[in-house]
């Protein structure tokens, strides 16, 4: 059953459609995440939010390091290989045995890590912040220690959830596992409204909401796997050939994905030396960045990994390269307008979403600075996500690991200078420059380790997209002020309402402008995206650039 399901999902169903299913679930979660961030920014002071975000970043570091990182990229290709092995009499039994063995090892390791994290949390945070301005504010460091210890229990839950999601994705199930984090956001919102007297300090309510949401994530993905007949069980068999193969990919994967997570930890340290509220500004900038990145780049990368792994296993390398190039072109087509929106409309977006209660105009302005610079990071990090997936699909984890180590070293050397020279802007700018460096390292080696990059075709498609991107930039730059001036005539001096109404008009109209011009210019990326929503685009070359053969490699 599972092997036939795998073939169906990887061959008959397009990668983009799989990404759409995952994006649909992720979208619900991200919308609730925005509501959650509105509540946190409004209900809690900057001291409290700084402490909570520091506490939350520690388990999230290990989550990215293990659950959504090295484990996924080393487990999924081997699991797909087990299911696709036609030489075995019962490939599904082999896949289940492998899955159960990994699950048992994971339970033991994560349990030990959770206990150690709870015990060592205070010296860890003392080492990071004891001499920084962060610790100079009375009670702030102690608050962070208490919350981080409680949130380390969430680490256990979220890594198990990430493993369950990896199994489900490998079997072609994307929507419900991607929807599961919505429960985390939902419970955090609900717990924020509980009476503050129930806990010793108000942000502790958020931590209990995180634990409740983490439990629901595990339960929902467990239900998905149970219905597929692939719910993992404890099995003490640690010396199989499949496990040895996975560990050979896992150890380099730790350095590959762990390096990316270390960037966040380094930024956490450097943020402690800057002004009060810096952790909050960067957190909200990250959250807005993650919305399009999760919906587009991460969803696409997650859908690509099992598909490309299947093509690599069955020897269809040409098809794998073509699929990767097609999805990379679609990624650029979708992510570039999002980056332009962050650059031109960052401050109005932040004010409309978060400016209320304790989230004042100054906080909005500083967060907008972060978001404007992060518009460049959105493009580079999204491309890096998809490029790294291609390496993992062919079971090459050592080169991304090498690139990741160089990435961390480069960032560690660059950031102190940038922070001293430009403070908050320097920290965020160093993050962007370091990630661009990482992206170029992956791109340069792609033809040697993977195959044809289809570089000329991608460049042509970007060039033909330039008129659309320029028109979109001009529209967003001038339309906001124009609409605000005219709306003020009818509404008066209600700035927040006017700004929100202007965005409600500009964002949908920008989407229509972008895809409408893309259709008129007959851009293949626009055609693919419109086809997904049921629009039947003519295949003949009848656009304004009829000489551009969209089917040529």
Protein backbone atom coordinates (compact mmCIF):
# COMPACT_ATOMS: atom_id res chain seq x y z
CA UNK A 1 0.00 0.00 0.00
CA UNK A 2 2.64 2.49 1.06
CA UNK A 3 4.95 1.89 -1.86
CA UNK A 4 2.13 2.36 -4.37
CA UNK A 5 1.02 5.47 -2.50
CA UNK A 6 4.59 6.75 -2.69
CA UNK A 7 4.78 6.22 -6.45
CA UNK A 8 1.45 7.93 -6.96
CA UNK A 9 2.39 10.97 -4.92
CA UNK A 10 5.83 11.36 -6.43
CA UNK A 11 5.11 10.68 -10.08
CA UNK A 12 1.51 11.52 -10.82
CA UNK A 13 1.11 14.45 -8.47
CA UNK A 14 3.21 17.56 -9.12
CA UNK A 15 5.55 18.97 -6.53
CA UNK A 16 3.72 22.28 -6.66
CA UNK A 17 0.41 20.63 -5.81
CA UNK A 18 2.01 18.91 -2.82
CA UNK A 19 3.43 22.26 -1.76
CA UNK A 20 -0.02 23.81 -2.12
CA UNK A 21 -1.50 21.21 0.25
CA UNK A 22 1.21 21.94 2.77
CA UNK A 23 0.87 25.69 2.27
CA UNK A 24 -2.86 25.47 2.95
CA UNK A 25 -2.25 23.91 6.35
CA UNK A 26 0.66 26.26 7.04
CA UNK A 27 -1.45 29.27 6.08
CA UNK A 28 -4.03 28.54 8.78
CA UNK A 29 -1.24 28.14 11.32
CA UNK A 30 0.48 31.36 10.25
CA UNK A 31 -2.72 33.39 10.39
CA UNK A 32 -3.26 32.20 13.96
CA UNK A 33 0.41 32.93 14.57
CA UNK A 34 -0.13 36.56 13.55
CA UNK A 35 -3.09 36.79 15.92
CA UNK A 36 -0.93 35.26 18.66
CA UNK A 37 1.82 37.83 18.05
CA UNK A 38 -0.72 40.65 18.13
CA UNK A 39 -1.90 39.43 21.52
CA UNK A 40 1.63 39.01 22.90
CA UNK A 41 2.76 42.43 21.68
CA UNK A 42 -0.31 44.13 23.10
CA UNK A 43 -0.67 42.32 26.45
CA UNK A 44 2.94 42.08 27.64
CA UNK A 45 5.69 44.64 28.24
CA UNK A 46 8.97 44.72 26.25
CA UNK A 47 10.84 43.29 29.26
CA UNK A 48 8.40 40.36 29.42
CA UNK A 49 8.40 39.72 25.68
CA UNK A 50 12.20 39.90 25.49
CA UNK A 51 12.47 37.31 28.28
CA UNK A 52 9.86 35.02 26.67
CA UNK A 53 11.40 35.19 23.20
CA UNK A 54 14.85 34.40 24.61
CA UNK A 55 13.38 31.42 26.51
CA UNK A 56 11.47 30.24 23.44
CA UNK A 57 14.50 30.46 21.14
CA UNK A 58 16.54 27.94 23.16
CA UNK A 59 14.24 24.90 22.57
CA UNK A 60 13.54 26.15 19.03
CA UNK A 61 17.28 26.05 18.39
CA UNK A 62 17.38 22.34 19.25
CA UNK A 63 14.13 21.75 17.33
CA UNK A 64 15.67 23.09 14.14
CA UNK A 65 18.94 21.38 14.98
CA UNK A 66 17.34 17.94 15.34
CA UNK A 67 13.63 17.57 14.63
CA UNK A 68 13.22 19.66 11.48
CA UNK A 69 16.87 19.53 10.51
CA UNK A 70 19.44 16.76 10.50
CA UNK A 71 16.94 14.02 11.34
CA UNK A 72 14.48 14.89 8.54
CA UNK A 73 17.07 15.29 5.79
CA UNK A 74 18.81 12.04 6.71
CA UNK A 75 15.68 10.00 7.51
CA UNK A 76 13.35 10.80 4.59
CA UNK A 77 15.65 9.79 1.66
CA UNK A 78 16.49 6.45 3.35
CA UNK A 79 12.84 5.84 4.27
CA UNK A 80 11.80 6.52 0.65
CA UNK A 81 14.54 4.18 -0.54
CA UNK A 82 13.21 1.42 1.74
CA UNK A 83 9.68 1.83 0.40
CA UNK A 84 10.87 1.91 -3.23
CA UNK A 85 13.21 -1.08 -3.11
CA UNK A 86 11.73 -3.52 -5.62
CA UNK A 87 14.42 -6.12 -4.84
CA UNK A 88 12.91 -6.72 -1.40
CA UNK A 89 10.05 -9.19 -0.95
CA UNK A 90 8.34 -6.89 1.57
CA UNK A 91 9.69 -3.31 1.30
CA UNK A 92 6.96 -1.98 3.61
CA UNK A 93 8.11 -4.21 6.47
CA UNK A 94 11.68 -3.02 5.93
CA UNK A 95 10.49 0.60 5.99
CA UNK A 96 8.49 0.02 9.20
CA UNK A 97 11.42 -1.63 10.94
CA UNK A 98 13.67 1.27 9.99
CA UNK A 99 11.07 3.83 11.09
CA UNK A 100 10.54 2.11 14.46
CA UNK A 101 14.25 1.85 15.17
CA UNK A 102 14.78 5.55 14.51
CA UNK A 103 11.78 6.40 16.67
CA UNK A 104 13.15 4.39 19.62
CA UNK A 105 16.57 6.04 19.41
CA UNK A 106 14.89 9.44 19.12
CA UNK A 107 12.81 8.90 22.28
CA UNK A 108 15.88 7.98 24.32
CA UNK A 109 18.07 10.82 23.03
CA UNK A 110 15.44 13.55 23.31
CA UNK A 111 14.48 12.45 26.83
CA UNK A 112 18.12 12.78 27.93
CA UNK A 113 18.46 16.14 26.17
CA UNK A 114 15.29 17.46 27.83
CA UNK A 115 16.48 16.54 31.32
CA UNK A 116 19.92 18.04 30.71
CA UNK A 117 18.39 21.21 29.32
CA UNK A 118 16.22 21.71 32.39
CA UNK A 119 19.17 21.15 34.73
CA UNK A 120 21.70 23.29 32.83
CA UNK A 121 19.42 26.11 31.69
CA UNK A 122 20.46 28.63 34.33
CA UNK A 123 24.24 28.36 33.71
CA UNK A 124 23.60 28.44 29.95
CA UNK A 125 21.65 31.71 30.08
CA UNK A 126 24.09 33.11 32.63
CA UNK A 127 26.92 32.43 30.19
CA UNK A 128 25.05 34.15 27.37
CA UNK A 129 23.75 37.22 29.19
CA UNK A 130 25.33 37.67 32.64
CA UNK A 131 27.53 40.58 31.53
CA UNK A 132 25.14 41.98 28.90
CA UNK A 133 22.58 44.79 29.31
CA UNK A 134 19.88 42.09 29.07
CA UNK A 135 20.76 40.87 32.60
CA UNK A 136 21.01 44.40 34.03
CA UNK A 137 17.21 44.70 34.13
CA UNK A 138 16.01 43.32 37.45
CA UNK A 139 14.26 39.96 37.24
CA UNK A 140 14.56 39.64 33.44
CA UNK A 141 17.17 36.87 33.36
CA UNK A 142 15.47 34.94 36.16
CA UNK A 143 12.17 35.12 34.26
CA UNK A 144 13.86 33.76 31.14
CA UNK A 145 15.42 30.84 33.07
CA UNK A 146 12.09 29.72 34.57
CA UNK A 147 10.30 29.90 31.21
CA UNK A 148 13.12 28.19 29.29
CA UNK A 149 13.07 25.24 31.68
CA UNK A 150 9.35 24.78 31.22
CA UNK A 151 9.65 25.17 27.45
CA UNK A 152 12.26 22.42 27.29
CA UNK A 153 9.41 19.99 27.93
CA UNK A 154 7.91 21.38 24.71
CA UNK A 155 11.18 20.48 22.97
CA UNK A 156 10.44 16.79 23.61
CA UNK A 157 6.95 17.16 22.13
CA UNK A 158 7.94 19.18 19.07
CA UNK A 159 10.77 16.84 18.04
CA UNK A 160 8.42 13.86 18.18
CA UNK A 161 5.91 15.88 16.14
CA UNK A 162 8.61 16.78 13.59
CA UNK A 163 9.52 13.11 13.21
CA UNK A 164 5.88 12.11 12.73
CA UNK A 165 5.52 14.89 10.16
CA UNK A 166 8.58 13.61 8.26
CA UNK A 167 7.05 10.13 8.01
CA UNK A 168 3.72 11.59 6.87
CA UNK A 169 5.39 13.81 4.25
CA UNK A 170 7.34 10.82 2.89
CA UNK A 171 4.00 9.03 2.47
CA UNK A 172 2.50 12.00 0.63
CA UNK A 173 0.49 13.55 3.49
CA UNK A 174 1.13 17.27 3.83
CA UNK A 175 -2.00 19.17 4.86
CA UNK A 176 -2.82 17.91 8.37
CA UNK A 177 0.82 17.77 9.59
CA UNK A 178 1.28 21.36 8.37
CA UNK A 179 -1.98 22.36 10.07
CA UNK A 180 -0.93 20.93 13.46
CA UNK A 181 1.11 23.99 14.59
CA UNK A 182 -2.11 25.99 14.41
CA UNK A 183 -3.03 24.36 17.72
CA UNK A 184 0.14 25.73 19.28
CA UNK A 185 -0.86 29.24 18.28
CA UNK A 186 -4.47 28.69 19.32
CA UNK A 187 -3.58 27.57 22.84
CA UNK A 188 -1.07 30.38 23.28
CA UNK A 189 -3.82 32.88 22.40
CA UNK A 190 -6.31 31.27 24.78
CA UNK A 191 -3.84 31.08 27.68
CA UNK A 192 -2.89 34.75 27.17
CA UNK A 193 -6.44 35.74 28.15
CA UNK A 194 -6.41 33.76 31.41
CA UNK A 195 -6.19 35.73 34.70
CA UNK A 196 -2.59 36.82 35.30
CA UNK A 197 -2.92 35.91 38.99
CA UNK A 198 -2.80 32.20 38.15
CA UNK A 199 0.99 32.37 37.68
CA UNK A 200 3.94 34.08 39.37
CA UNK A 201 4.55 36.33 36.34
CA UNK A 202 2.29 36.88 33.30
CA UNK A 203 4.44 35.45 30.42
CA UNK A 204 4.39 32.06 32.19
CA UNK A 205 0.85 31.67 30.83
CA UNK A 206 2.33 31.62 27.32
CA UNK A 207 4.59 28.71 28.30
CA UNK A 208 1.65 26.61 29.49
CA UNK A 209 -0.12 27.42 26.22
CA UNK A 210 2.96 26.20 24.33
CA UNK A 211 2.88 22.86 26.18
CA UNK A 212 -0.84 22.35 25.50
CA UNK A 213 -0.32 23.17 21.82
CA UNK A 214 2.71 20.89 21.55
CA UNK A 215 0.68 17.98 22.90
CA UNK A 216 -2.03 18.58 20.30
CA UNK A 217 0.59 18.66 17.50
CA UNK A 218 1.78 15.19 18.47
CA UNK A 219 -1.77 13.81 18.79
CA UNK A 220 -2.91 15.12 15.38
CA UNK A 221 0.09 13.79 13.44
CA UNK A 222 -0.15 10.48 15.33
CA UNK A 223 -3.74 10.15 14.10
CA UNK A 224 -2.60 10.70 10.51
CA UNK A 225 0.06 7.97 10.80
CA UNK A 226 -2.32 5.60 12.58
CA UNK A 227 -4.80 5.88 9.71
CA UNK A 228 -1.98 5.13 7.25
CA UNK A 229 -0.86 2.14 9.33
CA UNK A 230 2.54 3.71 9.95
CA UNK A 231 2.38 4.89 13.55
CA UNK A 232 5.91 4.26 14.95
CA UNK A 233 6.48 1.76 17.75
CA UNK A 234 9.35 1.14 20.12
CA UNK A 235 11.76 -1.37 18.60
CA UNK A 236 15.27 -2.09 19.92
CA UNK A 237 17.19 -2.90 16.76
CA UNK A 238 20.05 -0.47 16.29
CA UNK A 239 22.48 -2.17 13.92
CA UNK A 240 20.65 -2.52 10.60
CA UNK A 241 22.12 -1.43 7.28
CA UNK A 242 19.45 1.25 6.83
CA UNK A 243 20.27 2.78 10.22
CA UNK A 244 23.98 2.82 9.39
CA UNK A 245 23.17 4.59 6.13
CA UNK A 246 21.03 7.15 7.92
CA UNK A 247 23.71 7.83 10.56
CA UNK A 248 26.28 8.37 7.82
CA UNK A 249 24.03 11.18 6.52
CA UNK A 250 22.91 12.35 9.96
CA UNK A 251 26.29 13.34 11.37
CA UNK A 252 27.16 15.72 8.49
CA UNK A 253 23.54 16.89 8.60
CA UNK A 254 24.05 18.04 12.20
CA UNK A 255 26.71 20.44 11.01
CA UNK A 256 24.65 21.45 7.97
CA UNK A 257 21.38 22.32 9.66
CA UNK A 258 22.95 22.92 13.07
CA UNK A 259 25.04 25.68 11.55
CA UNK A 260 21.90 27.46 10.39
CA UNK A 261 20.42 27.15 13.87
CA UNK A 262 23.65 28.50 15.39
CA UNK A 263 23.12 31.74 13.47
CA UNK A 264 19.96 32.29 15.50
CA UNK A 265 21.84 31.53 18.72
CA UNK A 266 24.62 33.96 17.80
CA UNK A 267 22.05 36.64 17.03
CA UNK A 268 20.44 35.94 20.39
CA UNK A 269 23.77 36.66 22.06
CA UNK A 270 24.51 39.82 20.09
CA UNK A 271 20.96 41.10 20.61
CA UNK A 272 21.59 41.07 24.35
CA UNK A 273 24.14 43.88 23.89
CA UNK A 274 21.73 46.20 22.12
CA UNK A 275 18.85 48.37 23.27
CA UNK A 276 15.93 47.11 25.34
CA UNK A 277 13.39 45.53 23.02
CA UNK A 278 15.90 44.31 20.40
CA UNK A 279 14.85 40.66 20.88
CA UNK A 280 11.25 41.75 20.34
CA UNK A 281 12.02 43.75 17.18
CA UNK A 282 13.93 40.85 15.64
CA UNK A 283 11.32 38.31 16.71
CA UNK A 284 8.50 40.19 14.99
CA UNK A 285 10.63 40.75 11.91
CA UNK A 286 11.36 37.01 11.85
CA UNK A 287 7.69 36.18 12.25
CA UNK A 288 6.63 38.27 9.27
CA UNK A 289 9.54 36.90 7.24
CA UNK A 290 8.49 33.35 8.07
CA UNK A 291 4.97 33.86 6.72
CA UNK A 292 5.85 33.87 2.98
CA UNK A 293 8.94 31.76 3.59
CA UNK A 294 6.91 28.99 5.23
CA UNK A 295 4.06 29.18 2.74
CA UNK A 296 6.36 29.14 -0.28
CA UNK A 297 9.98 28.11 0.31
CA UNK A 298 9.65 25.67 3.22
CA UNK A 299 6.46 24.11 1.82
CA UNK A 300 8.12 23.74 -1.58
CA UNK A 301 11.30 22.32 -0.06
CA UNK A 302 9.36 19.85 2.09
CA UNK A 303 7.35 18.68 -0.91
CA UNK A 304 10.49 18.48 -3.05
CA UNK A 305 12.52 16.24 -0.74
CA UNK A 306 10.48 13.00 -1.04
CA UNK A 307 9.84 13.65 -4.75
CA UNK A 308 13.47 14.32 -5.66
CA UNK A 309 14.58 11.45 -3.41
CA UNK A 310 12.29 9.12 -5.36
CA UNK A 311 13.69 10.27 -8.72
CA UNK A 312 17.24 9.80 -7.41
CA UNK A 313 16.47 6.29 -6.11
CA UNK A 314 14.94 5.08 -9.39
CA UNK A 315 17.72 6.66 -11.48
CA UNK A 316 15.69 9.41 -13.16
CA UNK A 317 18.36 12.09 -12.68
CA UNK A 318 17.28 14.19 -15.69
CA UNK A 319 13.72 14.34 -14.40
CA UNK A 320 14.99 15.26 -10.95
CA UNK A 321 17.05 18.17 -12.32
CA UNK A 322 14.18 19.45 -14.45
CA UNK A 323 11.73 19.24 -11.51
CA UNK A 324 14.15 21.08 -9.22
CA UNK A 325 14.72 23.83 -11.81
CA UNK A 326 10.98 24.27 -12.45
CA UNK A 327 10.19 24.64 -8.77
CA UNK A 328 13.12 27.01 -8.22
CA UNK A 329 11.76 29.27 -10.97
CA UNK A 330 8.30 29.23 -9.41
CA UNK A 331 9.86 29.98 -6.03
CA UNK A 332 11.57 33.10 -7.40
CA UNK A 333 8.38 34.23 -9.14
CA UNK A 334 6.40 34.00 -5.90
CA UNK A 335 9.00 35.18 -3.38
CA UNK A 336 10.24 38.33 -5.16
CA UNK A 337 6.92 40.23 -4.90
CA UNK A 338 6.73 39.31 -1.20
CA UNK A 339 10.18 40.81 -0.69
CA UNK A 340 9.08 44.00 -2.48
CA UNK A 341 6.00 44.22 -0.25
CA UNK A 342 8.17 44.00 2.88
CA UNK A 343 10.48 46.70 1.53
CA UNK A 344 7.85 49.22 0.43
CA UNK A 345 5.00 48.44 2.84
CA UNK A 346 6.84 47.09 5.90
CA UNK A 347 5.92 49.86 8.35
CA UNK A 348 2.20 50.05 7.40
CA UNK A 349 1.95 46.24 7.63
CA UNK A 350 3.51 46.19 11.10
CA UNK A 351 1.37 49.07 12.33
CA UNK A 352 -1.82 47.49 11.01
CA UNK A 353 -1.04 44.11 12.58
CA UNK A 354 0.63 44.92 15.87
CA UNK A 355 0.40 48.61 16.85
CA UNK A 356 -1.85 48.50 19.89
CA UNK A 357 -1.44 48.31 23.66
CA UNK A 358 2.21 47.90 24.66
CA UNK A 359 3.28 47.68 21.00
CA UNK A 360 3.71 51.43 20.41
CA UNK A 361 4.84 53.55 17.44
CA UNK A 362 8.52 53.35 18.43
CA UNK A 363 8.42 49.54 18.58
CA UNK A 364 6.66 49.47 15.20
CA UNK A 365 9.31 51.73 13.67
CA UNK A 366 12.22 49.66 14.94
CA UNK A 367 10.57 46.44 13.79
CA UNK A 368 10.01 48.00 10.36
CA UNK A 369 13.75 48.66 10.10
CA UNK A 370 14.38 44.95 10.67
CA UNK A 371 11.72 43.91 8.16
CA UNK A 372 12.99 46.23 5.43
CA UNK A 373 16.47 44.70 5.60
CA UNK A 374 14.98 41.23 5.92
CA UNK A 375 13.30 41.65 2.53
CA UNK A 376 16.68 40.68 1.03
CA UNK A 377 17.03 37.77 3.46
CA UNK A 378 13.67 36.42 2.30
CA UNK A 379 15.03 35.85 -1.22
CA UNK A 380 18.42 34.40 -0.26
CA UNK A 381 17.13 32.13 2.53
CA UNK A 382 14.29 30.81 0.35
CA UNK A 383 16.69 29.91 -2.45
CA UNK A 384 19.09 28.34 0.06
CA UNK A 385 16.24 26.19 1.40
CA UNK A 386 15.43 24.72 -2.02
CA UNK A 387 19.08 24.35 -3.08
CA UNK A 388 19.98 22.47 0.09
CA UNK A 389 16.99 20.16 -0.45
CA UNK A 390 18.47 19.08 -3.78
CA UNK A 391 21.72 18.05 -2.08
CA UNK A 392 19.84 16.11 0.58
CA UNK A 393 17.74 14.32 -2.04
CA UNK A 394 20.89 12.75 -3.55
CA UNK A 395 22.07 11.91 0.00
CA UNK A 396 24.82 14.50 -0.06
CA UNK A 397 24.78 16.02 3.40
CA UNK A 398 28.50 16.70 3.79
CA UNK A 399 28.73 19.62 1.35
CA UNK A 400 25.81 21.61 2.88
CA UNK A 401 27.47 20.86 6.24
CA UNK A 402 30.74 22.37 5.04
CA UNK A 403 28.90 25.41 3.65
CA UNK A 404 27.01 25.79 6.91
CA UNK A 405 30.22 25.79 8.97
CA UNK A 406 31.73 28.45 6.70
CA UNK A 407 28.45 30.38 6.98
CA UNK A 408 28.62 30.39 10.78
CA UNK A 409 32.30 31.34 10.79
CA UNK A 410 31.67 34.19 8.35
CA UNK A 411 28.74 35.47 10.41
CA UNK A 412 30.70 35.22 13.67
CA UNK A 413 33.55 37.28 12.22
CA UNK A 414 31.35 39.85 10.47
CA UNK A 415 28.66 40.52 13.09
CA UNK A 416 30.71 42.15 15.89
CA UNK A 417 32.01 44.79 13.47
CA UNK A 418 28.54 45.39 12.00
CA UNK A 419 26.93 45.66 15.46
CA UNK A 420 29.53 48.15 16.68
CA UNK A 421 29.16 50.25 13.55
CA UNK A 422 25.39 50.12 12.94
CA UNK A 423 23.82 48.54 16.08
CA UNK A 424 20.41 46.94 15.28
CA UNK A 425 20.73 47.59 11.55
CA UNK A 426 24.22 46.08 11.64
CA UNK A 427 23.05 42.87 13.30
CA UNK A 428 20.25 42.37 10.81
CA UNK A 429 22.45 43.38 7.87
CA UNK A 430 25.14 40.90 8.91
CA UNK A 431 22.50 38.16 8.92
CA UNK A 432 21.54 39.02 5.33
CA UNK A 433 25.13 39.22 4.06
CA UNK A 434 26.06 35.91 5.70
CA UNK A 435 23.03 34.16 4.21
CA UNK A 436 23.82 35.47 0.72
CA UNK A 437 27.32 34.06 1.17
CA UNK A 438 25.81 30.68 2.11
CA UNK A 439 23.50 30.77 -0.93
CA UNK A 440 26.41 31.40 -3.32
CA UNK A 441 28.38 28.51 -1.81
CA UNK A 442 25.49 26.13 -2.55
CA UNK A 443 24.88 27.56 -6.01
CA UNK A 444 28.53 27.34 -7.07
CA UNK A 445 28.80 23.65 -6.26
CA UNK A 446 25.38 22.62 -7.59
CA UNK A 447 26.56 21.65 -11.13
CA UNK A 448 29.37 19.49 -9.71
CA UNK A 449 27.36 17.51 -7.17
CA UNK A 450 23.78 17.61 -8.53
CA UNK A 451 23.84 18.39 -12.24
CA UNK A 452 22.60 21.05 -14.64
CA UNK A 453 21.41 24.19 -12.87
CA UNK A 454 19.41 25.40 -15.88
CA UNK A 455 21.03 28.75 -15.12
CA UNK A 456 20.44 30.43 -18.48
CA UNK A 457 16.76 29.49 -18.49
CA UNK A 458 16.32 30.80 -14.95
CA UNK A 459 18.08 34.07 -15.81
CA UNK A 460 15.85 34.52 -18.87
CA UNK A 461 12.75 34.00 -16.80
CA UNK A 462 13.90 36.50 -14.19
CA UNK A 463 14.73 39.04 -16.93
CA UNK A 464 11.32 38.62 -18.52
CA UNK A 465 9.78 39.11 -15.06
CA UNK A 466 11.54 42.46 -14.54
CA UNK A 467 8.82 44.62 -16.18
CA UNK A 468 6.25 43.07 -13.85
CA UNK A 469 8.46 43.57 -10.78
CA UNK A 470 9.24 47.18 -11.69
CA UNK A 471 5.55 47.96 -12.26
CA UNK A 472 4.69 46.34 -8.93
CA UNK A 473 7.37 48.34 -7.11
CA UNK A 474 6.15 51.64 -8.56
CA UNK A 475 2.56 50.80 -7.72
CA UNK A 476 3.29 49.90 -4.08
CA UNK A 477 5.62 52.86 -3.56
CA UNK A 478 3.17 55.54 -4.70
CA UNK A 479 -0.25 54.00 -4.08
CA UNK A 480 -0.06 53.85 -0.29
CA UNK A 481 0.50 57.58 0.27
CA UNK A 482 -2.01 58.42 -2.46
CA UNK A 483 -4.73 56.26 -0.89
CA UNK A 484 -4.03 57.52 2.63
CA UNK A 485 -4.31 61.16 1.52
CA UNK A 486 -7.62 60.56 -0.23
CA UNK A 487 -9.09 58.37 2.51
CA UNK A 488 -8.29 61.02 5.12
CA UNK A 489 -10.65 63.40 3.29
CA UNK A 490 -13.59 61.10 4.06
CA UNK A 491 -12.51 59.47 7.33
CA UNK A 492 -10.57 62.22 9.08
CA UNK A 493 -7.41 61.87 11.16
CA UNK A 494 -7.84 58.20 12.08
CA UNK A 495 -4.36 57.14 10.97
CA UNK A 496 -4.53 53.48 12.02
CA UNK A 497 -7.87 52.91 10.27
CA UNK A 498 -6.75 54.77 7.13
CA UNK A 499 -3.50 52.77 6.93
CA UNK A 500 -5.33 49.47 7.36
CA UNK A 501 -7.92 50.30 4.70
CA UNK A 502 -5.18 51.33 2.29
CA UNK A 503 -3.42 47.99 2.78
CA UNK A 504 -6.69 46.12 2.28
CA UNK A 505 -6.91 47.77 -1.14
CA UNK A 506 -3.23 47.66 -2.11
CA UNK A 507 -2.33 44.05 -1.27
CA UNK A 508 -5.10 42.31 -3.29
CA UNK A 509 -4.72 44.78 -6.16
CA UNK A 510 -0.95 44.18 -6.18
CA UNK A 511 -1.56 40.44 -6.50
CA UNK A 512 -3.95 41.01 -9.40
CA UNK A 513 -1.47 43.39 -11.06
CA UNK A 514 1.42 40.96 -10.70
CA UNK A 515 -0.35 37.87 -12.00
CA UNK A 516 -2.28 39.84 -14.61
CA UNK A 517 0.89 41.27 -16.13
CA UNK A 518 2.55 37.88 -15.84
CA UNK A 519 -0.27 36.38 -17.86
CA UNK A 520 -0.12 39.12 -20.52
CA UNK A 521 3.63 38.66 -20.85
CA UNK A 522 3.04 34.91 -20.96
CA UNK A 523 5.48 34.12 -18.20
CA UNK A 524 5.59 30.33 -17.65
CA UNK A 525 5.74 30.73 -13.87
CA UNK A 526 2.51 32.76 -13.91
CA UNK A 527 0.92 30.17 -16.17
CA UNK A 528 1.81 27.36 -13.77
CA UNK A 529 0.47 29.21 -10.74
CA UNK A 530 -2.76 30.21 -12.49
CA UNK A 531 -3.25 26.64 -13.69
CA UNK A 532 -3.18 25.48 -10.08
CA UNK A 533 -6.21 27.62 -9.26
CA UNK A 534 -8.12 26.32 -12.25
CA UNK A 535 -7.33 28.99 -14.80
CA UNK A 536 -6.78 27.36 -18.17
CA UNK A 537 -3.92 29.19 -19.81
CA UNK A 538 -3.45 28.67 -23.53
CA UNK A 539 -0.33 26.75 -24.40
CA UNK A 540 0.36 28.60 -27.63
CA UNK A 541 2.84 31.46 -27.52
CA UNK A 542 0.47 34.41 -27.72
CA UNK A 543 2.02 36.73 -25.14
CA UNK A 544 3.90 39.97 -25.66
CA UNK A 545 7.12 37.92 -25.88
CA UNK A 546 6.10 35.22 -28.40
CA UNK A 547 9.71 34.49 -29.32
CA UNK A 548 10.44 33.23 -25.79
CA UNK A 549 10.12 29.46 -25.88
CA UNK A 550 8.88 28.65 -22.39
CA UNK A 551 9.32 24.92 -22.82
CA UNK A 552 13.01 25.00 -23.69
CA UNK A 553 15.42 23.92 -21.00
